[in-house]
Amino acid sequence: MMSQSKPLTTLAYIAYNLAYLMSRLTYIAYAVVYIAYTLAYIAYALAYIAYALAYIAYALAYLPYALLFGCNIKWKPGNEPNYFFAAK
């Protein structure tokens, strides 16, 4: 009976080590998934920031045009330019 005990002990030892290795690999897989999730979240945040910067650049590009229109000059009576009366 001693001869059967040794292979079973060795097999149990191998099974235990495989289970331990699988548990460690599971932790590593969780870490990899967490890192991938974090990187995806960072990429999403960077894309959102790029979108906001593009919107700001668009607004700044048209700012000079916005400043040209809508002049609200209040002329004092008697000091109006000639084209002021032609526009009325």
C-alpha atoms as a PDB file:
ATOM      1  CA  MET A   1       0.000   0.000   0.000  1.00  0.00           C
ATOM      2  CA  MET A   2       2.878   2.328   0.440  1.00  0.00           C
ATOM      3  CA  SER A   3       3.506   2.344  -3.297  1.00  0.00           C
ATOM      4  CA  GLN A   4       0.020   3.742  -4.054  1.00  0.00           C
ATOM      5  CA  SER A   5       0.312   6.456  -1.442  1.00  0.00           C
ATOM      6  CA  LYS A   6       3.253   8.209  -3.072  1.00  0.00           C
ATOM      7  CA  PRO A   7       1.630   8.796  -6.510  1.00  0.00           C
ATOM      8  CA  LEU A   8      -1.583  10.030  -4.867  1.00  0.00           C
ATOM      9  CA  THR A   9       0.370  12.409  -2.697  1.00  0.00           C
ATOM     10  CA  THR A  10       2.258  13.676  -5.727  1.00  0.00           C
ATOM     11  CA  LEU A  11      -0.973  14.041  -7.692  1.00  0.00           C
ATOM     12  CA  ALA A  12      -2.599  15.948  -4.810  1.00  0.00           C
ATOM     13  CA  TYR A  13       0.440  18.197  -4.580  1.00  0.00           C
ATOM     14  CA  ILE A  14       0.292  18.913  -8.314  1.00  0.00           C
ATOM     15  CA  ALA A  15      -3.459  19.584  -8.130  1.00  0.00           C
ATOM     16  CA  TYR A  16      -2.971  21.943  -5.208  1.00  0.00           C
ATOM     17  CA  ASN A  17      -0.239  23.854  -7.023  1.00  0.00           C
ATOM     18  CA  LEU A  18      -2.366  24.061 -10.173  1.00  0.00           C
ATOM     19  CA  ALA A  19      -5.302  25.412  -8.169  1.00  0.00           C
ATOM     20  CA  TYR A  20      -3.018  27.962  -6.528  1.00  0.00           C
ATOM     21  CA  LEU A  21      -1.605  28.959  -9.902  1.00  0.00           C
ATOM     22  CA  MET A  22      -5.112  29.304 -11.342  1.00  0.00           C
ATOM     23  CA  SER A  23      -6.133  31.549  -8.448  1.00  0.00           C
ATOM     24  CA  ARG A  24      -3.090  33.769  -9.052  1.00  0.00           C
ATOM     25  CA  LEU A  25      -3.825  33.873 -12.786  1.00  0.00           C
ATOM     26  CA  THR A  26      -7.388  34.892 -11.970  1.00  0.00           C
ATOM     27  CA  TYR A  27      -6.092  37.830  -9.936  1.00  0.00           C
ATOM     28  CA  ILE A  28      -3.806  38.790 -12.800  1.00  0.00           C
ATOM     29  CA  ALA A  29      -6.728  38.577 -15.254  1.00  0.00           C
ATOM     30  CA  TYR A  30      -8.809  40.814 -12.972  1.00  0.00           C
ATOM     31  CA  ALA A  31      -5.938  43.297 -12.827  1.00  0.00           C
ATOM     32  CA  VAL A  32      -5.572  43.296 -16.617  1.00  0.00           C
ATOM     33  CA  VAL A  33      -9.303  43.868 -17.076  1.00  0.00           C
ATOM     34  CA  TYR A  34      -9.260  46.663 -14.511  1.00  0.00           C
ATOM     35  CA  ILE A  35      -6.306  48.320 -16.240  1.00  0.00           C
ATOM     36  CA  ALA A  36      -8.041  48.009 -19.633  1.00  0.00           C
ATOM     37  CA  TYR A  37     -11.211  49.516 -18.166  1.00  0.00           C
ATOM     38  CA  THR A  38      -9.235  52.375 -16.641  1.00  0.00           C
ATOM     39  CA  LEU A  39      -7.427  53.057 -19.927  1.00  0.00           C
ATOM     40  CA  ALA A  40     -10.745  53.056 -21.788  1.00  0.00           C
ATOM     41  CA  TYR A  41     -12.166  55.525 -19.282  1.00  0.00           C
ATOM     42  CA  ILE A  42      -9.107  57.766 -19.688  1.00  0.00           C
ATOM     43  CA  ALA A  43      -9.468  57.588 -23.481  1.00  0.00           C
ATOM     44  CA  TYR A  44     -13.132  58.577 -23.151  1.00  0.00           C
ATOM     45  CA  ALA A  45     -12.216  61.512 -20.914  1.00  0.00           C
ATOM     46  CA  LEU A  46      -9.511  62.653 -23.346  1.00  0.00           C
ATOM     47  CA  ALA A  47     -11.957  62.448 -26.243  1.00  0.00           C
ATOM     48  CA  TYR A  48     -14.432  64.551 -24.284  1.00  0.00           C
ATOM     49  CA  ILE A  49     -11.720  67.117 -23.528  1.00  0.00           C
ATOM     50  CA  ALA A  50     -10.728  67.182 -27.210  1.00  0.00           C
ATOM     51  CA  TYR A  51     -14.363  67.764 -28.139  1.00  0.00           C
ATOM     52  CA  ALA A  52     -14.615  70.635 -25.666  1.00  0.00           C
ATOM     53  CA  LEU A  53     -11.384  72.193 -26.949  1.00  0.00           C
ATOM     54  CA  ALA A  54     -12.617  71.915 -30.538  1.00  0.00           C
ATOM     55  CA  TYR A  55     -15.835  73.643 -29.540  1.00  0.00           C
ATOM     56  CA  ILE A  56     -13.883  76.431 -27.831  1.00  0.00           C
ATOM     57  CA  ALA A  57     -11.634  76.805 -30.888  1.00  0.00           C
ATOM     58  CA  TYR A  58     -14.711  77.011 -33.100  1.00  0.00           C
ATOM     59  CA  ALA A  59     -16.218  79.704 -30.889  1.00  0.00           C
ATOM     60  CA  LEU A  60     -12.970  81.669 -30.787  1.00  0.00           C
ATOM     61  CA  ALA A  61     -12.590  81.450 -34.574  1.00  0.00           C
ATOM     62  CA  TYR A  62     -15.935  83.200 -35.057  1.00  0.00           C
ATOM     63  CA  LEU A  63     -15.516  85.675 -32.218  1.00  0.00           C
ATOM     64  CA  PRO A  64     -14.185  88.505 -34.450  1.00  0.00           C
ATOM     65  CA  TYR A  65     -17.228  88.158 -36.710  1.00  0.00           C
ATOM     66  CA  ALA A  66     -19.536  88.278 -33.714  1.00  0.00           C
ATOM     67  CA  LEU A  67     -17.881  91.461 -32.536  1.00  0.00           C
ATOM     68  CA  LEU A  68     -18.340  93.147 -35.926  1.00  0.00           C
ATOM     69  CA  PHE A  69     -22.110  92.820 -35.983  1.00  0.00           C
ATOM     70  CA  GLY A  70     -24.629  94.338 -33.671  1.00  0.00           C
ATOM     71  CA  CYS A  71     -22.981  97.710 -33.121  1.00  0.00           C
ATOM     72  CA  ASN A  72     -25.061  99.593 -30.615  1.00  0.00           C
ATOM     73  CA  ILE A  73     -23.691 103.136 -30.876  1.00  0.00           C
ATOM     74  CA  LYS A  74     -25.858 105.765 -29.276  1.00  0.00           C
ATOM     75  CA  TRP A  75     -25.340 109.019 -31.165  1.00  0.00           C
ATOM     76  CA  LYS A  76     -26.055 112.224 -29.352  1.00  0.00           C
ATOM     77  CA  PRO A  77     -28.708 114.372 -31.053  1.00  0.00           C
ATOM     78  CA  GLY A  78     -27.091 116.748 -33.548  1.00  0.00           C
ATOM     79  CA  ASN A  79     -23.894 114.714 -33.759  1.00  0.00           C
ATOM     80  CA  GLU A  80     -25.130 111.868 -35.981  1.00  0.00           C
ATOM     81  CA  PRO A  81     -23.158 110.969 -39.138  1.00  0.00           C
ATOM     82  CA  ASN A  82     -24.832 111.404 -42.551  1.00  0.00           C
ATOM     83  CA  TYR A  83     -25.349 107.682 -43.119  1.00  0.00           C
ATOM     84  CA  PHE A  84     -27.271 107.494 -39.865  1.00  0.00           C
ATOM     85  CA  PHE A  85     -30.215 109.383 -41.443  1.00  0.00           C
ATOM     86  CA  ALA A  86     -29.989 107.418 -44.699  1.00  0.00           C
ATOM     87  CA  ALA A  87     -30.461 104.154 -42.847  1.00  0.00           C
ATOM     88  CA  LYS A  88     -33.745 105.278 -41.315  1.00  0.00           C
END
